[in-house]
Amino acid sequence: MRDLEELKERLRAFVAERDWDQFHSPKNLSMALAVEAAELVELFQWLTEEESAAPDDSRRRRAAEEMADVLVYLVRLADRLDIDLLQAAGEKLRQNALKYPAERVRGQARKYDEY
């Protein structure tokens, strides 16, 4: 797949073929997204920093599957709410650049209201 628009169209077709749109309310999609994100988190729970940075092939494959699930639900949710994810991400990055000026936060993990 080349871009989010193609993924969105493929997901629409997949859902339509199964008559699942009736279940894809923003509430249900956001809940499913949270579940899939939690499954991704679970893969790294209790690992050390070093272990999490170098997962074995099995854990890496499972992480890819969970990340794909997260992406699928996020794209479906954005489609249902008519949100352009790339535009929203660009705007959020612009806002974060203002909240976290590099010269003030470089090398620090503090939140914007802590400096």
PDB file of N, CA and C in Angstrom:
ATOM      1  N   MET A   1       0.828  -1.163   0.000  1.00  0.00           N
ATOM      2  CA  MET A   1       0.000   0.000   0.000  1.00  0.00           C
ATOM      3  C   MET A   1       0.883   1.239   0.000  1.00  0.00           C
ATOM      4  N   ARG A   2       0.399   2.253  -0.635  1.00  0.00           N
ATOM      5  CA  ARG A   2       1.232   3.441  -0.823  1.00  0.00           C
ATOM      6  C   ARG A   2       0.948   4.567   0.165  1.00  0.00           C
ATOM      7  N   ASP A   3      -0.302   4.700   0.622  1.00  0.00           N
ATOM      8  CA  ASP A   3      -0.602   5.837   1.494  1.00  0.00           C
ATOM      9  C   ASP A   3      -1.865   5.577   2.318  1.00  0.00           C
ATOM     10  N   LEU A   4      -2.161   6.507   3.195  1.00  0.00           N
ATOM     11  CA  LEU A   4      -3.324   6.362   4.070  1.00  0.00           C
ATOM     12  C   LEU A   4      -4.633   6.386   3.297  1.00  0.00           C
ATOM     13  N   GLU A   5      -4.673   7.142   2.219  1.00  0.00           N
ATOM     14  CA  GLU A   5      -5.901   7.208   1.421  1.00  0.00           C
ATOM     15  C   GLU A   5      -6.223   5.838   0.825  1.00  0.00           C
ATOM     16  N   GLU A   6      -5.218   5.156   0.309  1.00  0.00           N
ATOM     17  CA  GLU A   6      -5.438   3.816  -0.241  1.00  0.00           C
ATOM     18  C   GLU A   6      -5.868   2.844   0.859  1.00  0.00           C
ATOM     19  N   LEU A   7      -5.230   2.940   2.019  1.00  0.00           N
ATOM     20  CA  LEU A   7      -5.613   2.085   3.137  1.00  0.00           C
ATOM     21  C   LEU A   7      -7.060   2.361   3.534  1.00  0.00           C
ATOM     22  N   LYS A   8      -7.437   3.615   3.606  1.00  0.00           N
ATOM     23  CA  LYS A   8      -8.811   3.986   3.966  1.00  0.00           C
ATOM     24  C   LYS A   8      -9.802   3.371   2.985  1.00  0.00           C
ATOM     25  N   GLU A   9      -9.511   3.454   1.698  1.00  0.00           N
ATOM     26  CA  GLU A   9     -10.412   2.897   0.685  1.00  0.00           C
ATOM     27  C   GLU A   9     -10.487   1.376   0.785  1.00  0.00           C
ATOM     28  N   ARG A  10      -9.364   0.737   1.020  1.00  0.00           N
ATOM     29  CA  ARG A  10      -9.376  -0.725   1.171  1.00  0.00           C
ATOM     30  C   ARG A  10     -10.154  -1.145   2.409  1.00  0.00           C
ATOM     31  N   LEU A  11     -10.014  -0.397   3.478  1.00  0.00           N
ATOM     32  CA  LEU A  11     -10.769  -0.704   4.696  1.00  0.00           C
ATOM     33  C   LEU A  11     -12.260  -0.501   4.483  1.00  0.00           C
ATOM     34  N   ARG A  12     -12.634   0.568   3.790  1.00  0.00           N
ATOM     35  CA  ARG A  12     -14.049   0.780   3.490  1.00  0.00           C
ATOM     36  C   ARG A  12     -14.621  -0.416   2.728  1.00  0.00           C
ATOM     37  N   ALA A  13     -13.895  -0.898   1.728  1.00  0.00           N
ATOM     38  CA  ALA A  13     -14.360  -2.037   0.938  1.00  0.00           C
ATOM     39  C   ALA A  13     -14.449  -3.297   1.799  1.00  0.00           C
ATOM     40  N   PHE A  14     -13.439  -3.538   2.614  1.00  0.00           N
ATOM     41  CA  PHE A  14     -13.407  -4.701   3.497  1.00  0.00           C
ATOM     42  C   PHE A  14     -14.617  -4.693   4.430  1.00  0.00           C
ATOM     43  N   VAL A  15     -14.888  -3.541   5.029  1.00  0.00           N
ATOM     44  CA  VAL A  15     -16.003  -3.398   5.967  1.00  0.00           C
ATOM     45  C   VAL A  15     -17.334  -3.555   5.236  1.00  0.00           C
ATOM     46  N   ALA A  16     -17.457  -2.939   4.072  1.00  0.00           N
ATOM     47  CA  ALA A  16     -18.706  -3.015   3.307  1.00  0.00           C
ATOM     48  C   ALA A  16     -19.019  -4.451   2.904  1.00  0.00           C
ATOM     49  N   GLU A  17     -18.013  -5.197   2.492  1.00  0.00           N
ATOM     50  CA  GLU A  17     -18.225  -6.594   2.086  1.00  0.00           C
ATOM     51  C   GLU A  17     -18.782  -7.431   3.226  1.00  0.00           C
ATOM     52  N   ARG A  18     -18.520  -7.034   4.449  1.00  0.00           N
ATOM     53  CA  ARG A  18     -18.940  -7.812   5.618  1.00  0.00           C
ATOM     54  C   ARG A  18     -20.127  -7.172   6.357  1.00  0.00           C
ATOM     55  N   ASP A  19     -20.614  -6.051   5.849  1.00  0.00           N
ATOM     56  CA  ASP A  19     -21.708  -5.303   6.476  1.00  0.00           C
ATOM     57  C   ASP A  19     -21.372  -4.971   7.926  1.00  0.00           C
ATOM     58  N   TRP A  20     -20.154  -4.482   8.157  1.00  0.00           N
ATOM     59  CA  TRP A  20     -19.702  -4.157   9.498  1.00  0.00           C
ATOM     60  C   TRP A  20     -19.790  -2.673   9.813  1.00  0.00           C
ATOM     61  N   ASP A  21     -20.129  -1.848   8.833  1.00  0.00           N
ATOM     62  CA  ASP A  21     -20.160  -0.413   9.092  1.00  0.00           C
ATOM     63  C   ASP A  21     -21.116  -0.087  10.239  1.00  0.00           C
ATOM     64  N   GLN A  22     -22.156  -0.880  10.369  1.00  0.00           N
ATOM     65  CA  GLN A  22     -23.128  -0.664  11.448  1.00  0.00           C
ATOM     66  C   GLN A  22     -22.493  -0.761  12.833  1.00  0.00           C
ATOM     67  N   PHE A  23     -21.372  -1.441  12.938  1.00  0.00           N
ATOM     68  CA  PHE A  23     -20.691  -1.613  14.221  1.00  0.00           C
ATOM     69  C   PHE A  23     -19.560  -0.607  14.424  1.00  0.00           C
ATOM     70  N   HIS A  24     -19.215   0.123  13.375  1.00  0.00           N
ATOM     71  CA  HIS A  24     -18.044   0.989  13.424  1.00  0.00           C
ATOM     72  C   HIS A  24     -18.392   2.420  13.814  1.00  0.00           C
ATOM     73  N   SER A  25     -19.036   2.563  14.936  1.00  0.00           N
ATOM     74  CA  SER A  25     -19.297   3.897  15.486  1.00  0.00           C
ATOM     75  C   SER A  25     -17.973   4.441  16.041  1.00  0.00           C
ATOM     76  N   PRO A  26     -17.847   5.750  16.167  1.00  0.00           N
ATOM     77  CA  PRO A  26     -16.635   6.290  16.788  1.00  0.00           C
ATOM     78  C   PRO A  26     -16.381   5.703  18.182  1.00  0.00           C
ATOM     79  N   LYS A  27     -17.443   5.484  18.947  1.00  0.00           N
ATOM     80  CA  LYS A  27     -17.275   4.886  20.276  1.00  0.00           C
ATOM     81  C   LYS A  27     -16.647   3.501  20.173  1.00  0.00           C
ATOM     82  N   ASN A  28     -17.207   2.655  19.330  1.00  0.00           N
ATOM     83  CA  ASN A  28     -16.692   1.287  19.210  1.00  0.00           C
ATOM     84  C   ASN A  28     -15.287   1.261  18.627  1.00  0.00           C
ATOM     85  N   LEU A  29     -15.043   2.091  17.628  1.00  0.00           N
ATOM     86  CA  LEU A  29     -13.713   2.117  17.014  1.00  0.00           C
ATOM     87  C   LEU A  29     -12.667   2.620  17.991  1.00  0.00           C
ATOM     88  N   SER A  30     -13.000   3.643  18.778  1.00  0.00           N
ATOM     89  CA  SER A  30     -12.018   4.149  19.742  1.00  0.00           C
ATOM     90  C   SER A  30     -11.746   3.122  20.839  1.00  0.00           C
ATOM     91  N   MET A  31     -12.778   2.382  21.235  1.00  0.00           N
ATOM     92  CA  MET A  31     -12.570   1.329  22.232  1.00  0.00           C
ATOM     93  C   MET A  31     -11.705   0.217  21.672  1.00  0.00           C
ATOM     94  N   ALA A  32     -11.964  -0.187  20.436  1.00  0.00           N
ATOM     95  CA  ALA A  32     -11.154  -1.228  19.799  1.00  0.00           C
ATOM     96  C   ALA A  32      -9.708  -0.763  19.643  1.00  0.00           C
ATOM     97  N   LEU A  33      -9.527   0.500  19.307  1.00  0.00           N
ATOM     98  CA  LEU A  33      -8.185   1.066  19.185  1.00  0.00           C
ATOM     99  C   LEU A  33      -7.436   0.982  20.513  1.00  0.00           C
ATOM    100  N   ALA A  34      -8.124   1.318  21.602  1.00  0.00           N
ATOM    101  CA  ALA A  34      -7.494   1.245  22.927  1.00  0.00           C
ATOM    102  C   ALA A  34      -7.114  -0.184  23.286  1.00  0.00           C
ATOM    103  N   VAL A  35      -7.959  -1.132  22.948  1.00  0.00           N
ATOM    104  CA  VAL A  35      -7.666  -2.540  23.226  1.00  0.00           C
ATOM    105  C   VAL A  35      -6.424  -2.982  22.464  1.00  0.00           C
ATOM    106  N   GLU A  36      -6.360  -2.639  21.182  1.00  0.00           N
ATOM    107  CA  GLU A  36      -5.208  -3.042  20.373  1.00  0.00           C
ATOM    108  C   GLU A  36      -3.929  -2.365  20.854  1.00  0.00           C
ATOM    109  N   ALA A  37      -4.027  -1.102  21.267  1.00  0.00           N
ATOM    110  CA  ALA A  37      -2.855  -0.419  21.808  1.00  0.00           C
ATOM    111  C   ALA A  37      -2.388  -1.106  23.093  1.00  0.00           C
ATOM    112  N   ALA A  38      -3.329  -1.540  23.904  1.00  0.00           N
ATOM    113  CA  ALA A  38      -2.981  -2.256  25.133  1.00  0.00           C
ATOM    114  C   ALA A  38      -2.299  -3.583  24.815  1.00  0.00           C
ATOM    115  N   GLU A  39      -2.745  -4.251  23.764  1.00  0.00           N
ATOM    116  CA  GLU A  39      -2.093  -5.509  23.368  1.00  0.00           C
ATOM    117  C   GLU A  39      -0.662  -5.248  22.913  1.00  0.00           C
ATOM    118  N   LEU A  40      -0.416  -4.130  22.287  1.00  0.00           N
ATOM    119  CA  LEU A  40       0.947  -3.757  21.909  1.00  0.00           C
ATOM    120  C   LEU A  40       1.786  -3.491  23.155  1.00  0.00           C
ATOM    121  N   VAL A  41       1.234  -2.752  24.082  1.00  0.00           N
ATOM    122  CA  VAL A  41       1.937  -2.460  25.331  1.00  0.00           C
ATOM    123  C   VAL A  41       2.295  -3.753  26.061  1.00  0.00           C
ATOM    124  N   GLU A  42       1.359  -4.694  26.071  1.00  0.00           N
ATOM    125  CA  GLU A  42       1.568  -5.949  26.782  1.00  0.00           C
ATOM    126  C   GLU A  42       2.800  -6.702  26.276  1.00  0.00           C
ATOM    127  N   LEU A  43       3.098  -6.572  24.996  1.00  0.00           N
ATOM    128  CA  LEU A  43       4.270  -7.255  24.428  1.00  0.00           C
ATOM    129  C   LEU A  43       5.582  -6.777  25.055  1.00  0.00           C
ATOM    130  N   PHE A  44       5.593  -5.547  25.527  1.00  0.00           N
ATOM    131  CA  PHE A  44       6.828  -4.966  26.069  1.00  0.00           C
ATOM    132  C   PHE A  44       6.814  -4.835  27.591  1.00  0.00           C
ATOM    133  N   GLN A  45       5.664  -5.176  28.179  1.00  0.00           N
ATOM    134  CA  GLN A  45       5.533  -5.098  29.629  1.00  0.00           C
ATOM    135  C   GLN A  45       6.576  -5.988  30.284  1.00  0.00           C
ATOM    136  N   TRP A  46       7.229  -5.469  31.278  1.00  0.00           N
ATOM    137  CA  TRP A  46       8.202  -6.162  32.110  1.00  0.00           C
ATOM    138  C   TRP A  46       9.554  -6.377  31.428  1.00  0.00           C
ATOM    139  N   LEU A  47       9.710  -5.954  30.192  1.00  0.00           N
ATOM    140  CA  LEU A  47      11.025  -6.053  29.563  1.00  0.00           C
ATOM    141  C   LEU A  47      11.901  -4.905  30.060  1.00  0.00           C
ATOM    142  N   THR A  48      13.182  -5.123  30.026  1.00  0.00           N
ATOM    143  CA  THR A  48      14.092  -4.012  30.323  1.00  0.00           C
ATOM    144  C   THR A  48      14.126  -3.077  29.122  1.00  0.00           C
ATOM    145  N   GLU A  49      14.696  -1.907  29.301  1.00  0.00           N
ATOM    146  CA  GLU A  49      14.854  -0.977  28.182  1.00  0.00           C
ATOM    147  C   GLU A  49      15.616  -1.647  27.042  1.00  0.00           C
ATOM    148  N   GLU A  50      16.668  -2.352  27.386  1.00  0.00           N
ATOM    149  CA  GLU A  50      17.491  -3.013  26.383  1.00  0.00           C
ATOM    150  C   GLU A  50      16.720  -4.114  25.648  1.00  0.00           C
ATOM    151  N   GLU A  51      15.972  -4.915  26.394  1.00  0.00           N
ATOM    152  CA  GLU A  51      15.170  -5.979  25.769  1.00  0.00           C
ATOM    153  C   GLU A  51      14.103  -5.402  24.847  1.00  0.00           C
ATOM    154  N   SER A  52      13.487  -4.306  25.265  1.00  0.00           N
ATOM    155  CA  SER A  52      12.438  -3.717  24.438  1.00  0.00           C
ATOM    156  C   SER A  52      13.007  -3.112  23.159  1.00  0.00           C
ATOM    157  N   ALA A  53      14.263  -2.691  23.198  1.00  0.00           N
ATOM    158  CA  ALA A  53      14.888  -2.084  22.022  1.00  0.00           C
ATOM    159  C   ALA A  53      15.381  -3.123  21.018  1.00  0.00           C
ATOM    160  N   ALA A  54      15.483  -4.370  21.439  1.00  0.00           N
ATOM    161  CA  ALA A  54      15.983  -5.428  20.548  1.00  0.00           C
ATOM    162  C   ALA A  54      15.123  -6.679  20.684  1.00  0.00           C
ATOM    163  N   PRO A  55      13.847  -6.600  20.288  1.00  0.00           N
ATOM    164  CA  PRO A  55      12.973  -7.771  20.446  1.00  0.00           C
ATOM    165  C   PRO A  55      13.394  -8.915  19.537  1.00  0.00           C
ATOM    166  N   ASP A  56      13.105 -10.133  19.980  1.00  0.00           N
ATOM    167  CA  ASP A  56      13.389 -11.278  19.117  1.00  0.00           C
ATOM    168  C   ASP A  56      12.398 -11.281  17.951  1.00  0.00           C
ATOM    169  N   ASP A  57      12.632 -12.171  16.988  1.00  0.00           N
ATOM    170  CA  ASP A  57      11.813 -12.179  15.771  1.00  0.00           C
ATOM    171  C   ASP A  57      10.327 -12.395  16.058  1.00  0.00           C
ATOM    172  N   SER A  58      10.014 -13.260  16.987  1.00  0.00           N
ATOM    173  CA  SER A  58       8.624 -13.546  17.317  1.00  0.00           C
ATOM    174  C   SER A  58       7.929 -12.312  17.900  1.00  0.00           C
ATOM    175  N   ARG A  59       8.577 -11.673  18.867  1.00  0.00           N
ATOM    176  CA  ARG A  59       7.985 -10.491  19.499  1.00  0.00           C
ATOM    177  C   ARG A  59       7.884  -9.349  18.485  1.00  0.00           C
ATOM    178  N   ARG A  60       8.866  -9.214  17.626  1.00  0.00           N
ATOM    179  CA  ARG A  60       8.844  -8.168  16.596  1.00  0.00           C
ATOM    180  C   ARG A  60       7.676  -8.387  15.627  1.00  0.00           C
ATOM    181  N   ARG A  61       7.455  -9.649  15.235  1.00  0.00           N
ATOM    182  CA  ARG A  61       6.340  -9.966  14.335  1.00  0.00           C
ATOM    183  C   ARG A  61       5.014  -9.666  15.008  1.00  0.00           C
ATOM    184  N   ARG A  62       4.889 -10.059  16.281  1.00  0.00           N
ATOM    185  CA  ARG A  62       3.644  -9.786  17.012  1.00  0.00           C
ATOM    186  C   ARG A  62       3.435  -8.294  17.201  1.00  0.00           C
ATOM    187  N   ALA A  63       4.515  -7.552  17.429  1.00  0.00           N
ATOM    188  CA  ALA A  63       4.407  -6.098  17.559  1.00  0.00           C
ATOM    189  C   ALA A  63       3.920  -5.495  16.242  1.00  0.00           C
ATOM    190  N   ALA A  64       4.432  -5.985  15.127  1.00  0.00           N
ATOM    191  CA  ALA A  64       3.985  -5.479  13.816  1.00  0.00           C
ATOM    192  C   ALA A  64       2.498  -5.730  13.623  1.00  0.00           C
ATOM    193  N   GLU A  65       2.027  -6.902  14.029  1.00  0.00           N
ATOM    194  CA  GLU A  65       0.601  -7.218  13.908  1.00  0.00           C
ATOM    195  C   GLU A  65      -0.249  -6.290  14.771  1.00  0.00           C
ATOM    196  N   GLU A  66       0.186  -6.041  15.991  1.00  0.00           N
ATOM    197  CA  GLU A  66      -0.577  -5.154  16.882  1.00  0.00           C
ATOM    198  C   GLU A  66      -0.531  -3.715  16.376  1.00  0.00           C
ATOM    199  N   MET A  67       0.614  -3.274  15.876  1.00  0.00           N
ATOM    200  CA  MET A  67       0.698  -1.922  15.324  1.00  0.00           C
ATOM    201  C   MET A  67      -0.216  -1.783  14.111  1.00  0.00           C
ATOM    202  N   ALA A  68      -0.294  -2.827  13.300  1.00  0.00           N
ATOM    203  CA  ALA A  68      -1.203  -2.800  12.150  1.00  0.00           C
ATOM    204  C   ALA A  68      -2.647  -2.688  12.622  1.00  0.00           C
ATOM    205  N   ASP A  69      -3.011  -3.422  13.661  1.00  0.00           N
ATOM    206  CA  ASP A  69      -4.373  -3.322  14.212  1.00  0.00           C
ATOM    207  C   ASP A  69      -4.658  -1.901  14.691  1.00  0.00           C
ATOM    208  N   VAL A  70      -3.699  -1.296  15.388  1.00  0.00           N
ATOM    209  CA  VAL A  70      -3.861   0.078  15.863  1.00  0.00           C
ATOM    210  C   VAL A  70      -4.072   1.014  14.674  1.00  0.00           C
ATOM    211  N   LEU A  71      -3.254   0.863  13.655  1.00  0.00           N
ATOM    212  CA  LEU A  71      -3.370   1.721  12.474  1.00  0.00           C
ATOM    213  C   LEU A  71      -4.711   1.545  11.777  1.00  0.00           C
ATOM    214  N   VAL A  72      -5.157   0.314  11.644  1.00  0.00           N
ATOM    215  CA  VAL A  72      -6.436   0.042  10.985  1.00  0.00           C
ATOM    216  C   VAL A  72      -7.579   0.730  11.722  1.00  0.00           C
ATOM    217  N   TYR A  73      -7.631   0.568  13.025  1.00  0.00           N
ATOM    218  CA  TYR A  73      -8.715   1.200  13.784  1.00  0.00           C
ATOM    219  C   TYR A  73      -8.591   2.714  13.775  1.00  0.00           C
ATOM    220  N   LEU A  74      -7.379   3.236  13.818  1.00  0.00           N
ATOM    221  CA  LEU A  74      -7.195   4.682  13.774  1.00  0.00           C
ATOM    222  C   LEU A  74      -7.649   5.253  12.432  1.00  0.00           C
ATOM    223  N   VAL A  75      -7.308   4.588  11.349  1.00  0.00           N
ATOM    224  CA  VAL A  75      -7.724   5.054  10.023  1.00  0.00           C
ATOM    225  C   VAL A  75      -9.240   4.958   9.877  1.00  0.00           C
ATOM    226  N   ARG A  76      -9.847   3.890  10.361  1.00  0.00           N
ATOM    227  CA  ARG A  76     -11.317   3.762  10.311  1.00  0.00           C
ATOM    228  C   ARG A  76     -11.981   4.870  11.119  1.00  0.00           C
ATOM    229  N   LEU A  77     -11.468   5.135  12.320  1.00  0.00           N
ATOM    230  CA  LEU A  77     -12.028   6.178  13.166  1.00  0.00           C
ATOM    231  C   LEU A  77     -11.905   7.542  12.491  1.00  0.00           C
ATOM    232  N   ALA A  78     -10.766   7.835  11.940  1.00  0.00           N
ATOM    233  CA  ALA A  78     -10.576   9.107  11.236  1.00  0.00           C
ATOM    234  C   ALA A  78     -11.527   9.211  10.051  1.00  0.00           C
ATOM    235  N   ASP A  79     -11.729   8.111   9.348  1.00  0.00           N
ATOM    236  CA  ASP A  79     -12.651   8.113   8.209  1.00  0.00           C
ATOM    237  C   ASP A  79     -14.070   8.418   8.678  1.00  0.00           C
ATOM    238  N   ARG A  80     -14.508   7.751   9.738  1.00  0.00           N
ATOM    239  CA  ARG A  80     -15.860   7.972  10.255  1.00  0.00           C
ATOM    240  C   ARG A  80     -16.067   9.407  10.745  1.00  0.00           C
ATOM    241  N   LEU A  81     -15.006  10.032  11.263  1.00  0.00           N
ATOM    242  CA  LEU A  81     -15.107  11.391  11.779  1.00  0.00           C
ATOM    243  C   LEU A  81     -14.669  12.442  10.757  1.00  0.00           C
ATOM    244  N   ASP A  82     -14.329  11.992   9.554  1.00  0.00           N
ATOM    245  CA  ASP A  82     -13.893  12.883   8.477  1.00  0.00           C
ATOM    246  C   ASP A  82     -12.711  13.754   8.911  1.00  0.00           C
ATOM    247  N   ILE A  83     -11.706  13.091   9.456  1.00  0.00           N
ATOM    248  CA  ILE A  83     -10.480  13.757   9.892  1.00  0.00           C
ATOM    249  C   ILE A  83      -9.339  13.307   9.001  1.00  0.00           C
ATOM    250  N   ASP A  84      -8.603  14.255   8.471  1.00  0.00           N
ATOM    251  CA  ASP A  84      -7.411  13.976   7.670  1.00  0.00           C
ATOM    252  C   ASP A  84      -6.261  13.759   8.652  1.00  0.00           C
ATOM    253  N   LEU A  85      -5.851  12.506   8.808  1.00  0.00           N
ATOM    254  CA  LEU A  85      -4.835  12.183   9.803  1.00  0.00           C
ATOM    255  C   LEU A  85      -3.508  12.872   9.538  1.00  0.00           C
ATOM    256  N   LEU A  86      -3.090  12.936   8.288  1.00  0.00           N
ATOM    257  CA  LEU A  86      -1.811  13.579   7.997  1.00  0.00           C
ATOM    258  C   LEU A  86      -1.865  15.074   8.297  1.00  0.00           C
ATOM    259  N   GLN A  87      -2.967  15.712   7.981  1.00  0.00           N
ATOM    260  CA  GLN A  87      -3.133  17.127   8.305  1.00  0.00           C
ATOM    261  C   GLN A  87      -3.159  17.323   9.820  1.00  0.00           C
ATOM    262  N   ALA A  88      -3.898  16.459  10.522  1.00  0.00           N
ATOM    263  CA  ALA A  88      -3.979  16.555  11.983  1.00  0.00           C
ATOM    264  C   ALA A  88      -2.603  16.335  12.620  1.00  0.00           C
ATOM    265  N   ALA A  89      -1.851  15.380  12.107  1.00  0.00           N
ATOM    266  CA  ALA A  89      -0.515  15.109  12.646  1.00  0.00           C
ATOM    267  C   ALA A  89       0.418  16.288  12.387  1.00  0.00           C
ATOM    268  N   GLY A  90       0.325  16.871  11.208  1.00  0.00           N
ATOM    269  CA  GLY A  90       1.142  18.042  10.906  1.00  0.00           C
ATOM    270  C   GLY A  90       0.834  19.206  11.822  1.00  0.00           C
ATOM    271  N   GLU A  91      -0.448  19.427  12.084  1.00  0.00           N
ATOM    272  CA  GLU A  91      -0.859  20.495  12.993  1.00  0.00           C
ATOM    273  C   GLU A  91      -0.388  20.212  14.417  1.00  0.00           C
ATOM    274  N   LYS A  92      -0.488  18.963  14.843  1.00  0.00           N
ATOM    275  CA  LYS A  92      -0.044  18.601  16.195  1.00  0.00           C
ATOM    276  C   LYS A  92       1.466  18.789  16.329  1.00  0.00           C
ATOM    277  N   LEU A  93       2.209  18.452  15.298  1.00  0.00           N
ATOM    278  CA  LEU A  93       3.660  18.640  15.314  1.00  0.00           C
ATOM    279  C   LEU A  93       3.996  20.135  15.427  1.00  0.00           C
ATOM    280  N   ARG A  94       3.245  20.976  14.706  1.00  0.00           N
ATOM    281  CA  ARG A  94       3.448  22.421  14.783  1.00  0.00           C
ATOM    282  C   ARG A  94       3.181  22.917  16.213  1.00  0.00           C
ATOM    283  N   GLN A  95       2.078  22.451  16.818  1.00  0.00           N
ATOM    284  CA  GLN A  95       1.741  22.845  18.186  1.00  0.00           C
ATOM    285  C   GLN A  95       2.822  22.385  19.172  1.00  0.00           C
ATOM    286  N   ASN A  96       3.299  21.144  18.989  1.00  0.00           N
ATOM    287  CA  ASN A  96       4.326  20.617  19.892  1.00  0.00           C
ATOM    288  C   ASN A  96       5.638  21.370  19.763  1.00  0.00           C
ATOM    289  N   ALA A  97       5.951  21.849  18.562  1.00  0.00           N
ATOM    290  CA  ALA A  97       7.169  22.646  18.378  1.00  0.00           C
ATOM    291  C   ALA A  97       7.089  23.933  19.186  1.00  0.00           C
ATOM    292  N   LEU A  98       5.900  24.486  19.302  1.00  0.00           N
ATOM    293  CA  LEU A  98       5.713  25.688  20.111  1.00  0.00           C
ATOM    294  C   LEU A  98       5.767  25.369  21.609  1.00  0.00           C
ATOM    295  N   LYS A  99       5.165  24.249  22.002  1.00  0.00           N
ATOM    296  CA  LYS A  99       5.139  23.852  23.411  1.00  0.00           C
ATOM    297  C   LYS A  99       6.502  23.379  23.905  1.00  0.00           C
ATOM    298  N   TYR A 100       7.258  22.768  23.000  1.00  0.00           N
ATOM    299  CA  TYR A 100       8.542  22.172  23.362  1.00  0.00           C
ATOM    300  C   TYR A 100       9.658  22.725  22.479  1.00  0.00           C
ATOM    301  N   PRO A 101      10.049  23.986  22.671  1.00  0.00           N
ATOM    302  CA  PRO A 101      11.129  24.537  21.853  1.00  0.00           C
ATOM    303  C   PRO A 101      12.425  23.759  22.102  1.00  0.00           C
ATOM    304  N   ALA A 102      13.067  23.355  21.036  1.00  0.00           N
ATOM    305  CA  ALA A 102      14.252  22.500  21.135  1.00  0.00           C
ATOM    306  C   ALA A 102      15.314  23.074  22.056  1.00  0.00           C
ATOM    307  N   GLU A 103      15.517  24.376  21.979  1.00  0.00           N
ATOM    308  CA  GLU A 103      16.568  24.986  22.789  1.00  0.00           C
ATOM    309  C   GLU A 103      16.261  24.934  24.291  1.00  0.00           C
ATOM    310  N   ARG A 104      15.003  24.709  24.652  1.00  0.00           N
ATOM    311  CA  ARG A 104      14.632  24.643  26.071  1.00  0.00           C
ATOM    312  C   ARG A 104      14.511  23.218  26.593  1.00  0.00           C
ATOM    313  N   VAL A 105      14.229  22.257  25.716  1.00  0.00           N
ATOM    314  CA  VAL A 105      13.910  20.907  26.201  1.00  0.00           C
ATOM    315  C   VAL A 105      14.878  19.830  25.727  1.00  0.00           C
ATOM    316  N   ARG A 106      15.856  20.191  24.934  1.00  0.00           N
ATOM    317  CA  ARG A 106      16.790  19.188  24.395  1.00  0.00           C
ATOM    318  C   ARG A 106      17.344  18.300  25.507  1.00  0.00           C
ATOM    319  N   GLY A 107      17.178  16.995  25.344  1.00  0.00           N
ATOM    320  CA  GLY A 107      17.711  16.027  26.292  1.00  0.00           C
ATOM    321  C   GLY A 107      16.903  15.867  27.568  1.00  0.00           C
ATOM    322  N   GLN A 108      15.720  16.467  27.626  1.00  0.00           N
ATOM    323  CA  GLN A 108      14.888  16.386  28.821  1.00  0.00           C
ATOM    324  C   GLN A 108      13.551  15.722  28.486  1.00  0.00           C
ATOM    325  N   ALA A 109      12.979  15.027  29.437  1.00  0.00           N
ATOM    326  CA  ALA A 109      11.690  14.356  29.226  1.00  0.00           C
ATOM    327  C   ALA A 109      10.577  15.014  30.029  1.00  0.00           C
ATOM    328  N   ARG A 110      10.785  16.256  30.414  1.00  0.00           N
ATOM    329  CA  ARG A 110       9.764  16.945  31.214  1.00  0.00           C
ATOM    330  C   ARG A 110       8.610  17.404  30.329  1.00  0.00           C
ATOM    331  N   LYS A 111       7.444  17.526  30.931  1.00  0.00           N
ATOM    332  CA  LYS A 111       6.256  18.021  30.241  1.00  0.00           C
ATOM    333  C   LYS A 111       6.374  19.537  30.095  1.00  0.00           C
ATOM    334  N   TYR A 112       5.665  20.089  29.127  1.00  0.00           N
ATOM    335  CA  TYR A 112       5.763  21.513  28.800  1.00  0.00           C
ATOM    336  C   TYR A 112       5.472  22.438  29.976  1.00  0.00           C
ATOM    337  N   ASP A 113       4.672  22.000  30.926  1.00  0.00           N
ATOM    338  CA  ASP A 113       4.353  22.872  32.063  1.00  0.00           C
ATOM    339  C   ASP A 113       5.329  22.710  33.238  1.00  0.00           C
ATOM    340  N   GLU A 114       6.398  21.957  33.005  1.00  0.00           N
ATOM    341  CA  GLU A 114       7.383  21.721  34.060  1.00  0.00           C
ATOM    342  C   GLU A 114       8.684  22.492  33.849  1.00  0.00           C
ATOM    343  N   TYR A 115       8.774  23.298  32.825  1.00  0.00           N
ATOM    344  CA  TYR A 115      10.011  24.074  32.616  1.00  0.00           C
ATOM    345  C   TYR A 115       9.691  25.538  32.450  1.00  0.00           C
TER     346      TYR A 115
END
